[in-house]
Amino acid sequence: MPGARAGEIYNELIDNFTQVQFMLAITSFTHDKIASKLQFPLCLNQYKSLLTKAEDSVTAPKLLDFINMIKDFSQPLYRLKEDAKIMQQVEHLKKIIK
């Protein structure tokens, strides 16, 4: 089944992300198109899966703290970019993780 193979390739690619790539993927909600997609169950589940993979792979303490901040976010995740504290952390991460 071609769809199953595509899923395997997708997961393999993500498993090989660097910390910078994980940071870029995790903070992609700052783009309106991505944020709006987090309203849909499939996209939301994929994003949560990405967070789990990042948590297992990343070693930067600030990025791990940010992942936990997202996991503890009390509102729907498509609203992440509306939160000033979250956005402040995104800007901070962009400066320190290179």
C-alpha atoms as a PDB file:
ATOM      1  CA  MET A   1       0.000   0.000   0.000  1.00  0.00           C
ATOM      2  CA  PRO A   2       1.638   3.283  -1.127  1.00  0.00           C
ATOM      3  CA  GLY A   3       0.183   5.364   1.734  1.00  0.00           C
ATOM      4  CA  ALA A   4       1.745   3.128   4.362  1.00  0.00           C
ATOM      5  CA  ARG A   5       5.186   3.463   2.760  1.00  0.00           C
ATOM      6  CA  ALA A   6       4.801   7.246   2.627  1.00  0.00           C
ATOM      7  CA  GLY A   7       4.049   7.224   6.357  1.00  0.00           C
ATOM      8  CA  GLU A   8       7.183   5.184   7.014  1.00  0.00           C
ATOM      9  CA  ILE A   9       9.308   7.612   4.996  1.00  0.00           C
ATOM     10  CA  TYR A  10       7.709  10.577   6.778  1.00  0.00           C
ATOM     11  CA  ASN A  11       8.534   9.067  10.189  1.00  0.00           C
ATOM     12  CA  GLU A  12      12.053   8.139   9.107  1.00  0.00           C
ATOM     13  CA  LEU A  13      12.720  11.701   7.968  1.00  0.00           C
ATOM     14  CA  ILE A  14      11.458  13.146  11.246  1.00  0.00           C
ATOM     15  CA  ASP A  15      13.495  10.632  13.240  1.00  0.00           C
ATOM     16  CA  ASN A  16      16.600  12.085  11.589  1.00  0.00           C
ATOM     17  CA  PHE A  17      15.814  15.746  12.345  1.00  0.00           C
ATOM     18  CA  THR A  18      18.500  17.846  13.985  1.00  0.00           C
ATOM     19  CA  GLN A  19      17.626  20.034  16.986  1.00  0.00           C
ATOM     20  CA  VAL A  20      17.322  23.029  14.655  1.00  0.00           C
ATOM     21  CA  GLN A  21      14.926  21.148  12.384  1.00  0.00           C
ATOM     22  CA  PHE A  22      12.835  20.060  15.369  1.00  0.00           C
ATOM     23  CA  MET A  23      12.749  23.656  16.610  1.00  0.00           C
ATOM     24  CA  LEU A  24      11.618  24.908  13.195  1.00  0.00           C
ATOM     25  CA  ALA A  25       8.938  22.208  12.938  1.00  0.00           C
ATOM     26  CA  ILE A  26       7.683  22.718  16.486  1.00  0.00           C
ATOM     27  CA  THR A  27       7.446  26.498  16.056  1.00  0.00           C
ATOM     28  CA  SER A  28       5.804  26.270  12.630  1.00  0.00           C
ATOM     29  CA  PHE A  29       2.484  27.215  14.271  1.00  0.00           C
ATOM     30  CA  THR A  30       3.675  30.834  14.002  1.00  0.00           C
ATOM     31  CA  HIS A  31       2.587  30.695  10.346  1.00  0.00           C
ATOM     32  CA  ASP A  32      -1.134  31.309   9.889  1.00  0.00           C
ATOM     33  CA  LYS A  33      -1.645  28.400   7.474  1.00  0.00           C
ATOM     34  CA  ILE A  34      -0.023  25.934   9.865  1.00  0.00           C
ATOM     35  CA  ALA A  35      -1.821  27.300  12.928  1.00  0.00           C
ATOM     36  CA  SER A  36      -5.195  26.966  11.208  1.00  0.00           C
ATOM     37  CA  LYS A  37      -4.459  23.331  10.301  1.00  0.00           C
ATOM     38  CA  LEU A  38      -4.073  22.496  14.008  1.00  0.00           C
ATOM     39  CA  GLN A  39      -7.876  22.702  14.220  1.00  0.00           C
ATOM     40  CA  PHE A  40      -8.148  19.402  12.354  1.00  0.00           C
ATOM     41  CA  PRO A  41      -7.719  16.072  14.206  1.00  0.00           C
ATOM     42  CA  LEU A  42      -5.242  14.505  11.753  1.00  0.00           C
ATOM     43  CA  CYS A  43      -2.968  17.569  11.750  1.00  0.00           C
ATOM     44  CA  LEU A  44      -3.243  17.948  15.515  1.00  0.00           C
ATOM     45  CA  ASN A  45      -2.328  14.283  16.053  1.00  0.00           C
ATOM     46  CA  GLN A  46       0.663  14.583  13.711  1.00  0.00           C
ATOM     47  CA  TYR A  47       1.840  17.704  15.550  1.00  0.00           C
ATOM     48  CA  LYS A  48       1.521  15.946  18.921  1.00  0.00           C
ATOM     49  CA  SER A  49       3.458  12.999  17.507  1.00  0.00           C
ATOM     50  CA  LEU A  50       6.147  15.437  16.372  1.00  0.00           C
ATOM     51  CA  LEU A  51       6.344  16.851  19.913  1.00  0.00           C
ATOM     52  CA  THR A  52       6.830  13.350  21.330  1.00  0.00           C
ATOM     53  CA  LYS A  53       9.540  12.506  18.789  1.00  0.00           C
ATOM     54  CA  ALA A  54      11.278  15.813  19.543  1.00  0.00           C
ATOM     55  CA  GLU A  55      11.086  15.178  23.270  1.00  0.00           C
ATOM     56  CA  ASP A  56      12.812  11.828  22.756  1.00  0.00           C
ATOM     57  CA  SER A  57      15.538  13.260  20.493  1.00  0.00           C
ATOM     58  CA  VAL A  58      16.314  16.799  21.622  1.00  0.00           C
ATOM     59  CA  THR A  59      18.946  17.530  24.257  1.00  0.00           C
ATOM     60  CA  ALA A  60      18.689  21.351  24.504  1.00  0.00           C
ATOM     61  CA  PRO A  61      17.050  22.089  27.896  1.00  0.00           C
ATOM     62  CA  LYS A  62      15.312  25.265  26.655  1.00  0.00           C
ATOM     63  CA  LEU A  63      13.754  23.403  23.733  1.00  0.00           C
ATOM     64  CA  LEU A  64      12.616  20.594  26.027  1.00  0.00           C
ATOM     65  CA  ASP A  65      11.084  23.200  28.358  1.00  0.00           C
ATOM     66  CA  PHE A  66       9.295  24.731  25.371  1.00  0.00           C
ATOM     67  CA  ILE A  67       7.911  21.345  24.307  1.00  0.00           C
ATOM     68  CA  ASN A  68       6.532  20.874  27.816  1.00  0.00           C
ATOM     69  CA  MET A  69       5.079  24.383  27.711  1.00  0.00           C
ATOM     70  CA  ILE A  70       3.197  23.452  24.531  1.00  0.00           C
ATOM     71  CA  LYS A  71       2.028  20.139  26.003  1.00  0.00           C
ATOM     72  CA  ASP A  72       0.719  22.018  29.065  1.00  0.00           C
ATOM     73  CA  PHE A  73      -1.020  24.700  26.961  1.00  0.00           C
ATOM     74  CA  SER A  74      -4.568  24.906  28.250  1.00  0.00           C
ATOM     75  CA  GLN A  75      -6.207  26.202  25.070  1.00  0.00           C
ATOM     76  CA  PRO A  76      -6.554  24.527  21.663  1.00  0.00           C
ATOM     77  CA  LEU A  77      -3.127  24.333  20.012  1.00  0.00           C
ATOM     78  CA  TYR A  78      -4.210  26.393  17.000  1.00  0.00           C
ATOM     79  CA  ARG A  79      -4.224  29.322  19.468  1.00  0.00           C
ATOM     80  CA  LEU A  80      -0.550  28.966  20.408  1.00  0.00           C
ATOM     81  CA  LYS A  81       0.497  31.970  18.323  1.00  0.00           C
ATOM     82  CA  GLU A  82      -1.992  34.166  20.195  1.00  0.00           C
ATOM     83  CA  ASP A  83      -0.189  33.583  23.501  1.00  0.00           C
ATOM     84  CA  ALA A  84       2.405  36.282  24.275  1.00  0.00           C
ATOM     85  CA  LYS A  85       4.480  34.033  26.559  1.00  0.00           C
ATOM     86  CA  ILE A  86       4.663  31.296  23.927  1.00  0.00           C
ATOM     87  CA  MET A  87       5.658  33.762  21.218  1.00  0.00           C
ATOM     88  CA  GLN A  88       8.318  35.260  23.470  1.00  0.00           C
ATOM     89  CA  GLN A  89       9.781  31.777  23.944  1.00  0.00           C
ATOM     90  CA  VAL A  90       9.734  31.174  20.174  1.00  0.00           C
ATOM     91  CA  GLU A  91      11.809  34.316  19.626  1.00  0.00           C
ATOM     92  CA  HIS A  92      14.207  33.297  22.400  1.00  0.00           C
ATOM     93  CA  LEU A  93      14.638  29.798  20.923  1.00  0.00           C
ATOM     94  CA  LYS A  94      15.378  31.207  17.476  1.00  0.00           C
ATOM     95  CA  LYS A  95      18.258  33.168  18.989  1.00  0.00           C
ATOM     96  CA  ILE A  96      19.839  30.371  21.022  1.00  0.00           C
ATOM     97  CA  ILE A  97      19.306  27.215  18.926  1.00  0.00           C
ATOM     98  CA  LYS A  98      21.340  27.343  15.763  1.00  0.00           C
END
